[in-house]
Amino acid sequence: MFSGQPALLSLANASNFATLPAVSSPSGRGIGLDVPLTSDLNDWLSLYGGFSASASRTNLSDWSAFTINSWNIGFQADVYQQNGGLIPTITLQSTLTVSVPQAQLPTTSLNTVLEFDYALTADETKGLLAGVQYIEVAVNSAVITINPNIVGYVGGYYQWDNNWKLTGRVGMQSFGGAQLLNQIPFKPFTQPTVRLDLDRMDADDNRLFGITAHIAWVPKPSYLLTVRTPLYLVKN
């Protein structure tokens, strides 16, 4: 999916996220760490929660301190499992993220992804993907309004005998823009997005290691590199 909850370290380089009426927003770089705890209730439902920390800089400021900036809770559920049939596996994932009280502009966001996974082989090592992602952000301020962002995508995946798995997704995202008082500092746009995932899986199809490259035009290119190194707690 375009948004998941494994533990990860992400490195981003975003340039001109949006354009002001006469001023461009500064380019910037950031590094972030997500630390979730996931509990598999059964074969089709998982619950998770955790926190995120980050540091960033722009061409107008130095690196900020590395601090915790938000916490999140969510779930992932297989609404329907293909199991060799003609109807693809349908997965629903939803994450609620709340910024910490120290944030200058406290926000609450809801990120929901509905994905269809059609396996082309009995062992589900090759298949096709399609999905839609809906992101809504609320700012605890009467002067700022952020409209929803919607992403639709298609893709596919292939897993080799050595359990390396490559997944690719291409899509279009439509951002409704943001409004500050009577101004429109971030204009709406509809632009393409591309994501590639390379994962090392175990025999039970759990991720041992992964790298994600994500390019989104917002409207100029924004680059995100994510390294996943999940930690598992096992009780024998």
C-alpha atoms as a PDB file:
ATOM      1  CA  MET A   1       0.000   0.000   0.000  1.00  0.00           C
ATOM      2  CA  PHE A   2       1.028   3.617  -0.226  1.00  0.00           C
ATOM      3  CA  SER A   3       1.139   3.863   3.507  1.00  0.00           C
ATOM      4  CA  GLY A   4       2.085   1.165   6.015  1.00  0.00           C
ATOM      5  CA  GLN A   5       3.088   0.881   9.647  1.00  0.00           C
ATOM      6  CA  PRO A   6       6.303  -1.155   9.904  1.00  0.00           C
ATOM      7  CA  ALA A   7       9.221   0.320  11.838  1.00  0.00           C
ATOM      8  CA  LEU A   8      11.129   2.445   9.362  1.00  0.00           C
ATOM      9  CA  LEU A   9      13.765   5.057   8.842  1.00  0.00           C
ATOM     10  CA  SER A  10      12.876   7.514   6.099  1.00  0.00           C
ATOM     11  CA  LEU A  11      14.938  10.081   4.250  1.00  0.00           C
ATOM     12  CA  ALA A  12      13.146  12.732   2.197  1.00  0.00           C
ATOM     13  CA  ASN A  13      14.104  15.484  -0.223  1.00  0.00           C
ATOM     14  CA  ALA A  14      11.111  17.670  -1.087  1.00  0.00           C
ATOM     15  CA  SER A  15      11.404  20.684  -3.362  1.00  0.00           C
ATOM     16  CA  ASN A  16       8.705  23.342  -3.624  1.00  0.00           C
ATOM     17  CA  PHE A  17       5.848  21.278  -2.152  1.00  0.00           C
ATOM     18  CA  ALA A  18       3.425  23.874  -3.409  1.00  0.00           C
ATOM     19  CA  THR A  19       3.488  27.368  -4.856  1.00  0.00           C
ATOM     20  CA  LEU A  20       2.277  30.502  -3.150  1.00  0.00           C
ATOM     21  CA  PRO A  21       0.614  33.163  -5.291  1.00  0.00           C
ATOM     22  CA  ALA A  22       3.953  34.972  -5.675  1.00  0.00           C
ATOM     23  CA  VAL A  23       6.359  33.018  -3.440  1.00  0.00           C
ATOM     24  CA  SER A  24       7.734  29.458  -3.598  1.00  0.00           C
ATOM     25  CA  SER A  25       7.962  27.363  -0.459  1.00  0.00           C
ATOM     26  CA  PRO A  26      11.559  26.478   0.473  1.00  0.00           C
ATOM     27  CA  SER A  27      13.116  23.147  -0.429  1.00  0.00           C
ATOM     28  CA  GLY A  28      13.925  20.924   2.515  1.00  0.00           C
ATOM     29  CA  ARG A  29      15.241  17.616   3.792  1.00  0.00           C
ATOM     30  CA  GLY A  30      14.099  15.477   6.676  1.00  0.00           C
ATOM     31  CA  ILE A  31      14.791  12.259   8.505  1.00  0.00           C
ATOM     32  CA  GLY A  32      12.136  10.374  10.441  1.00  0.00           C
ATOM     33  CA  LEU A  33      11.745   7.294  12.623  1.00  0.00           C
ATOM     34  CA  ASP A  34       8.476   5.383  13.100  1.00  0.00           C
ATOM     35  CA  VAL A  35       8.245   2.960  16.040  1.00  0.00           C
ATOM     36  CA  PRO A  36       4.991   0.948  16.025  1.00  0.00           C
ATOM     37  CA  LEU A  37       3.836  -2.082  17.962  1.00  0.00           C
ATOM     38  CA  THR A  38       1.674  -4.526  15.993  1.00  0.00           C
ATOM     39  CA  SER A  39      -0.570  -7.264  17.329  1.00  0.00           C
ATOM     40  CA  ASP A  40      -2.028  -9.915  15.006  1.00  0.00           C
ATOM     41  CA  LEU A  41      -5.417 -10.827  16.474  1.00  0.00           C
ATOM     42  CA  ASN A  42      -5.963 -13.545  13.850  1.00  0.00           C
ATOM     43  CA  ASP A  43      -5.113 -14.368  10.228  1.00  0.00           C
ATOM     44  CA  TRP A  44      -7.047 -11.412   8.835  1.00  0.00           C
ATOM     45  CA  LEU A  45      -6.955  -8.602  11.444  1.00  0.00           C
ATOM     46  CA  SER A  46      -3.996  -6.684  12.923  1.00  0.00           C
ATOM     47  CA  LEU A  47      -3.940  -3.734  15.305  1.00  0.00           C
ATOM     48  CA  TYR A  48      -1.009  -1.356  15.711  1.00  0.00           C
ATOM     49  CA  GLY A  49       0.046   1.806  17.479  1.00  0.00           C
ATOM     50  CA  GLY A  50       3.234   3.769  18.041  1.00  0.00           C
ATOM     51  CA  PHE A  51       4.998   7.083  17.728  1.00  0.00           C
ATOM     52  CA  SER A  52       7.070   9.022  15.203  1.00  0.00           C
ATOM     53  CA  ALA A  53      10.099  11.253  15.619  1.00  0.00           C
ATOM     54  CA  SER A  54      11.809  13.438  13.052  1.00  0.00           C
ATOM     55  CA  ALA A  55      14.254  16.237  12.295  1.00  0.00           C
ATOM     56  CA  SER A  56      14.259  18.521   9.270  1.00  0.00           C
ATOM     57  CA  ARG A  57      15.983  21.442   7.633  1.00  0.00           C
ATOM     58  CA  THR A  58      15.283  23.858   4.795  1.00  0.00           C
ATOM     59  CA  ASN A  59      17.455  26.180   2.769  1.00  0.00           C
ATOM     60  CA  LEU A  60      16.296  28.912   5.176  1.00  0.00           C
ATOM     61  CA  SER A  61      17.018  27.099   8.476  1.00  0.00           C
ATOM     62  CA  ASP A  62      19.399  24.610  10.109  1.00  0.00           C
ATOM     63  CA  TRP A  63      18.517  21.084  11.223  1.00  0.00           C
ATOM     64  CA  SER A  64      15.913  20.981  13.968  1.00  0.00           C
ATOM     65  CA  ALA A  65      16.271  18.803  17.063  1.00  0.00           C
ATOM     66  CA  PHE A  66      15.284  15.133  16.666  1.00  0.00           C
ATOM     67  CA  THR A  67      12.063  14.928  18.704  1.00  0.00           C
ATOM     68  CA  ILE A  68       8.866  12.906  18.953  1.00  0.00           C
ATOM     69  CA  ASN A  69       6.204  14.710  16.949  1.00  0.00           C
ATOM     70  CA  SER A  70       3.190  12.382  16.795  1.00  0.00           C
ATOM     71  CA  TRP A  71       1.550   9.131  17.866  1.00  0.00           C
ATOM     72  CA  ASN A  72      -0.700   6.838  15.880  1.00  0.00           C
ATOM     73  CA  ILE A  73      -3.123   3.934  16.123  1.00  0.00           C
ATOM     74  CA  GLY A  74      -4.669   1.855  13.375  1.00  0.00           C
ATOM     75  CA  PHE A  75      -5.734  -1.476  11.979  1.00  0.00           C
ATOM     76  CA  GLN A  76      -5.295  -3.614   8.877  1.00  0.00           C
ATOM     77  CA  ALA A  77      -7.963  -6.134   7.921  1.00  0.00           C
ATOM     78  CA  ASP A  78      -8.415  -8.578   5.055  1.00  0.00           C
ATOM     79  CA  VAL A  79     -12.077  -7.940   4.308  1.00  0.00           C
ATOM     80  CA  TYR A  80     -12.002 -10.821   1.814  1.00  0.00           C
ATOM     81  CA  GLN A  81      -9.280 -13.388   1.049  1.00  0.00           C
ATOM     82  CA  GLN A  82      -8.864 -14.755  -2.483  1.00  0.00           C
ATOM     83  CA  ASN A  83      -7.687 -18.248  -1.501  1.00  0.00           C
ATOM     84  CA  GLY A  84      -7.408 -19.366  -5.114  1.00  0.00           C
ATOM     85  CA  GLY A  85     -10.738 -17.912  -6.223  1.00  0.00           C
ATOM     86  CA  LEU A  86     -11.580 -15.310  -8.840  1.00  0.00           C
ATOM     87  CA  ILE A  87     -12.295 -12.435  -6.429  1.00  0.00           C
ATOM     88  CA  PRO A  88      -9.091 -10.689  -5.267  1.00  0.00           C
ATOM     89  CA  THR A  89      -8.067 -10.240  -1.660  1.00  0.00           C
ATOM     90  CA  ILE A  90      -9.548  -6.982  -0.357  1.00  0.00           C
ATOM     91  CA  THR A  91      -7.541  -5.243   2.368  1.00  0.00           C
ATOM     92  CA  LEU A  92      -8.595  -2.206   4.375  1.00  0.00           C
ATOM     93  CA  GLN A  93      -6.040  -0.221   6.389  1.00  0.00           C
ATOM     94  CA  SER A  94      -6.752   2.910   8.422  1.00  0.00           C
ATOM     95  CA  THR A  95      -4.367   4.970  10.554  1.00  0.00           C
ATOM     96  CA  LEU A  96      -5.188   7.841  12.899  1.00  0.00           C
ATOM     97  CA  THR A  97      -2.204  10.119  13.591  1.00  0.00           C
ATOM     98  CA  VAL A  98      -2.212  12.902  16.198  1.00  0.00           C
ATOM     99  CA  SER A  99       0.612  15.408  16.662  1.00  0.00           C
ATOM    100  CA  VAL A 100       2.070  15.888  20.140  1.00  0.00           C
ATOM    101  CA  PRO A 101       0.806  18.842  22.236  1.00  0.00           C
ATOM    102  CA  GLN A 102       4.108  20.712  21.802  1.00  0.00           C
ATOM    103  CA  ALA A 103       3.489  21.149  18.078  1.00  0.00           C
ATOM    104  CA  GLN A 104       2.945  24.740  16.973  1.00  0.00           C
ATOM    105  CA  LEU A 105       0.018  23.694  14.771  1.00  0.00           C
ATOM    106  CA  PRO A 106      -1.536  20.532  16.275  1.00  0.00           C
ATOM    107  CA  THR A 107      -2.977  18.266  13.589  1.00  0.00           C
ATOM    108  CA  THR A 108      -5.029  15.096  13.386  1.00  0.00           C
ATOM    109  CA  SER A 109      -4.914  13.009  10.219  1.00  0.00           C
ATOM    110  CA  LEU A 110      -6.786   9.927   9.017  1.00  0.00           C
ATOM    111  CA  ASN A 111      -5.096   7.832   6.331  1.00  0.00           C
ATOM    112  CA  THR A 112      -7.259   5.077   4.815  1.00  0.00           C
ATOM    113  CA  VAL A 113      -6.208   2.634   2.086  1.00  0.00           C
ATOM    114  CA  LEU A 114      -8.418   0.119   0.272  1.00  0.00           C
ATOM    115  CA  GLU A 115      -6.385  -2.316  -1.836  1.00  0.00           C
ATOM    116  CA  PHE A 116      -7.283  -5.211  -4.167  1.00  0.00           C
ATOM    117  CA  ASP A 117      -4.671  -7.983  -4.552  1.00  0.00           C
ATOM    118  CA  TYR A 118      -5.256 -10.534  -7.329  1.00  0.00           C
ATOM    119  CA  ALA A 119      -2.764 -13.411  -7.047  1.00  0.00           C
ATOM    120  CA  LEU A 120      -1.811 -14.996 -10.389  1.00  0.00           C
ATOM    121  CA  THR A 121      -0.241 -18.114  -8.825  1.00  0.00           C
ATOM    122  CA  ALA A 122      -1.381 -20.555  -6.150  1.00  0.00           C
ATOM    123  CA  ASP A 123       1.531 -19.652  -3.864  1.00  0.00           C
ATOM    124  CA  GLU A 124       0.716 -15.919  -4.265  1.00  0.00           C
ATOM    125  CA  THR A 125       4.240 -15.022  -5.418  1.00  0.00           C
ATOM    126  CA  LYS A 126       3.003 -13.107  -8.461  1.00  0.00           C
ATOM    127  CA  GLY A 127      -0.002 -10.836  -8.715  1.00  0.00           C
ATOM    128  CA  LEU A 128      -1.699  -7.573  -9.631  1.00  0.00           C
ATOM    129  CA  LEU A 129      -2.670  -4.661  -7.364  1.00  0.00           C
ATOM    130  CA  ALA A 130      -5.157  -1.811  -7.477  1.00  0.00           C
ATOM    131  CA  GLY A 131      -6.201   0.558  -4.755  1.00  0.00           C
ATOM    132  CA  VAL A 132      -7.247   3.952  -3.509  1.00  0.00           C
ATOM    133  CA  GLN A 133      -5.869   6.017  -0.620  1.00  0.00           C
ATOM    134  CA  TYR A 134      -7.744   8.818   1.159  1.00  0.00           C
ATOM    135  CA  ILE A 135      -5.945  11.244   3.486  1.00  0.00           C
ATOM    136  CA  GLU A 136      -7.761  13.846   5.558  1.00  0.00           C
ATOM    137  CA  VAL A 137      -5.948  16.320   7.821  1.00  0.00           C
ATOM    138  CA  ALA A 138      -7.546  18.578  10.423  1.00  0.00           C
ATOM    139  CA  VAL A 139      -5.553  21.485  11.906  1.00  0.00           C
ATOM    140  CA  ASN A 140      -6.373  22.801  15.362  1.00  0.00           C
ATOM    141  CA  SER A 141      -6.632  26.338  14.064  1.00  0.00           C
ATOM    142  CA  ALA A 142      -9.587  28.356  12.794  1.00  0.00           C
ATOM    143  CA  VAL A 143      -7.486  30.089  10.118  1.00  0.00           C
ATOM    144  CA  ILE A 144      -6.102  27.012   8.321  1.00  0.00           C
ATOM    145  CA  THR A 145      -8.034  24.483   6.245  1.00  0.00           C
ATOM    146  CA  ILE A 146      -6.428  21.505   4.478  1.00  0.00           C
ATOM    147  CA  ASN A 147      -8.539  19.714   1.891  1.00  0.00           C
ATOM    148  CA  PRO A 148      -8.343  15.919   1.380  1.00  0.00           C
ATOM    149  CA  ASN A 149      -5.746  14.136  -0.730  1.00  0.00           C
ATOM    150  CA  ILE A 150      -6.834  11.137  -2.832  1.00  0.00           C
ATOM    151  CA  VAL A 151      -4.507   8.655  -4.564  1.00  0.00           C
ATOM    152  CA  GLY A 152      -5.594   5.967  -7.031  1.00  0.00           C
ATOM    153  CA  TYR A 153      -3.047   3.409  -8.212  1.00  0.00           C
ATOM    154  CA  VAL A 154      -2.394   0.107  -9.998  1.00  0.00           C
ATOM    155  CA  GLY A 155       0.618  -2.176  -9.801  1.00  0.00           C
ATOM    156  CA  GLY A 156       1.950  -5.663  -9.370  1.00  0.00           C
ATOM    157  CA  TYR A 157       4.455  -7.813  -7.508  1.00  0.00           C
ATOM    158  CA  TYR A 158       6.813 -10.758  -8.042  1.00  0.00           C
ATOM    159  CA  GLN A 159       8.553 -12.883  -5.404  1.00  0.00           C
ATOM    160  CA  TRP A 160      11.577 -15.012  -6.289  1.00  0.00           C
ATOM    161  CA  ASP A 161      12.423 -18.442  -4.837  1.00  0.00           C
ATOM    162  CA  ASN A 162      14.980 -16.808  -2.508  1.00  0.00           C
ATOM    163  CA  ASN A 163      12.104 -14.785  -0.924  1.00  0.00           C
ATOM    164  CA  TRP A 164      13.094 -11.400  -2.346  1.00  0.00           C
ATOM    165  CA  LYS A 165       9.939  -9.568  -3.419  1.00  0.00           C
ATOM    166  CA  LEU A 166       9.606  -6.604  -5.798  1.00  0.00           C
ATOM    167  CA  THR A 167       6.412  -4.528  -5.820  1.00  0.00           C
ATOM    168  CA  GLY A 168       5.636  -1.580  -8.060  1.00  0.00           C
ATOM    169  CA  ARG A 169       2.760   0.905  -8.023  1.00  0.00           C
ATOM    170  CA  VAL A 170       1.944   3.860 -10.275  1.00  0.00           C
ATOM    171  CA  GLY A 171      -0.964   6.201  -9.792  1.00  0.00           C
ATOM    172  CA  MET A 172      -2.416   9.678  -9.723  1.00  0.00           C
ATOM    173  CA  GLN A 173      -2.950  11.822  -6.658  1.00  0.00           C
ATOM    174  CA  SER A 174      -5.390  14.697  -6.385  1.00  0.00           C
ATOM    175  CA  PHE A 175      -4.830  17.241  -3.619  1.00  0.00           C
ATOM    176  CA  GLY A 176      -7.623  19.698  -2.869  1.00  0.00           C
ATOM    177  CA  GLY A 177      -5.275  22.446  -1.706  1.00  0.00           C
ATOM    178  CA  ALA A 178      -5.032  24.335   1.585  1.00  0.00           C
ATOM    179  CA  GLN A 179      -6.427  27.694   2.627  1.00  0.00           C
ATOM    180  CA  LEU A 180      -5.061  30.284   5.059  1.00  0.00           C
ATOM    181  CA  LEU A 181      -7.694  32.896   5.920  1.00  0.00           C
ATOM    182  CA  ASN A 182      -8.876  34.289   2.566  1.00  0.00           C
ATOM    183  CA  GLN A 183      -5.685  33.296   0.749  1.00  0.00           C
ATOM    184  CA  ILE A 184      -4.922  30.037  -1.106  1.00  0.00           C
ATOM    185  CA  PRO A 185      -1.217  29.392  -0.308  1.00  0.00           C
ATOM    186  CA  PHE A 186      -1.278  25.760  -1.555  1.00  0.00           C
ATOM    187  CA  LYS A 187      -3.139  25.347  -4.805  1.00  0.00           C
ATOM    188  CA  PRO A 188      -4.986  22.140  -5.760  1.00  0.00           C
ATOM    189  CA  PHE A 189      -3.189  19.791  -8.132  1.00  0.00           C
ATOM    190  CA  THR A 190      -3.478  16.390  -9.777  1.00  0.00           C
ATOM    191  CA  GLN A 191      -0.121  14.743 -10.452  1.00  0.00           C
ATOM    192  CA  PRO A 192       1.419  11.250 -10.878  1.00  0.00           C
ATOM    193  CA  THR A 193       3.071   9.190  -8.160  1.00  0.00           C
ATOM    194  CA  VAL A 194       5.375   6.156  -8.341  1.00  0.00           C
ATOM    195  CA  ARG A 195       6.408   3.695  -5.630  1.00  0.00           C
ATOM    196  CA  LEU A 196       8.840   0.739  -5.728  1.00  0.00           C
ATOM    197  CA  ASP A 197       9.310  -1.740  -2.844  1.00  0.00           C
ATOM    198  CA  LEU A 198      12.090  -4.313  -2.547  1.00  0.00           C
ATOM    199  CA  ASP A 199      11.553  -6.635   0.436  1.00  0.00           C
ATOM    200  CA  ARG A 200      13.250  -9.670   1.922  1.00  0.00           C
ATOM    201  CA  MET A 201      10.545 -12.037   3.207  1.00  0.00           C
ATOM    202  CA  ASP A 202      10.737 -15.116   5.431  1.00  0.00           C
ATOM    203  CA  ALA A 203       9.028 -18.478   4.877  1.00  0.00           C
ATOM    204  CA  ASP A 204       5.840 -17.165   6.555  1.00  0.00           C
ATOM    205  CA  ASP A 205       5.753 -14.074   4.302  1.00  0.00           C
ATOM    206  CA  ASN A 206       6.863 -11.715   7.081  1.00  0.00           C
ATOM    207  CA  ARG A 207       9.091  -8.805   6.053  1.00  0.00           C
ATOM    208  CA  LEU A 208      12.668  -9.113   7.333  1.00  0.00           C
ATOM    209  CA  PHE A 209      14.082  -6.089   5.507  1.00  0.00           C
ATOM    210  CA  GLY A 210      12.796  -3.655   2.927  1.00  0.00           C
ATOM    211  CA  ILE A 211      13.582  -0.550   0.916  1.00  0.00           C
ATOM    212  CA  THR A 212      10.950   1.762  -0.579  1.00  0.00           C
ATOM    213  CA  ALA A 213      11.508   4.500  -3.156  1.00  0.00           C
ATOM    214  CA  HIS A 214       8.589   6.891  -3.594  1.00  0.00           C
ATOM    215  CA  ILE A 215       8.404   9.787  -6.048  1.00  0.00           C
ATOM    216  CA  ALA A 216       5.431  12.137  -5.929  1.00  0.00           C
ATOM    217  CA  TRP A 217       4.894  15.286  -7.973  1.00  0.00           C
ATOM    218  CA  VAL A 218       3.428  17.832  -5.495  1.00  0.00           C
ATOM    219  CA  PRO A 219       3.400  19.486  -8.016  1.00  0.00           C
ATOM    220  CA  LYS A 220       7.225  19.401  -8.393  1.00  0.00           C
ATOM    221  CA  PRO A 221       9.029  16.102  -7.638  1.00  0.00           C
ATOM    222  CA  SER A 222       9.326  15.024  -3.997  1.00  0.00           C
ATOM    223  CA  TYR A 223      11.535  12.029  -3.144  1.00  0.00           C
ATOM    224  CA  LEU A 224      11.135   9.657  -0.197  1.00  0.00           C
ATOM    225  CA  LEU A 225      13.482   6.766   0.607  1.00  0.00           C
ATOM    226  CA  THR A 226      12.310   4.369   3.333  1.00  0.00           C
ATOM    227  CA  VAL A 227      14.336   1.584   4.968  1.00  0.00           C
ATOM    228  CA  ARG A 228      12.259  -0.962   6.894  1.00  0.00           C
ATOM    229  CA  THR A 229      13.827  -3.006   9.686  1.00  0.00           C
ATOM    230  CA  PRO A 230      10.934  -4.544  11.650  1.00  0.00           C
ATOM    231  CA  LEU A 231      11.414  -5.986  15.140  1.00  0.00           C
ATOM    232  CA  TYR A 232       9.317  -8.999  16.102  1.00  0.00           C
ATOM    233  CA  LEU A 233       8.392 -10.169  19.595  1.00  0.00           C
ATOM    234  CA  VAL A 234       7.900 -13.936  19.608  1.00  0.00           C
ATOM    235  CA  LYS A 235       6.565 -16.017  22.497  1.00  0.00           C
ATOM    236  CA  ASN A 236       7.300 -19.765  22.360  1.00  0.00           C
END
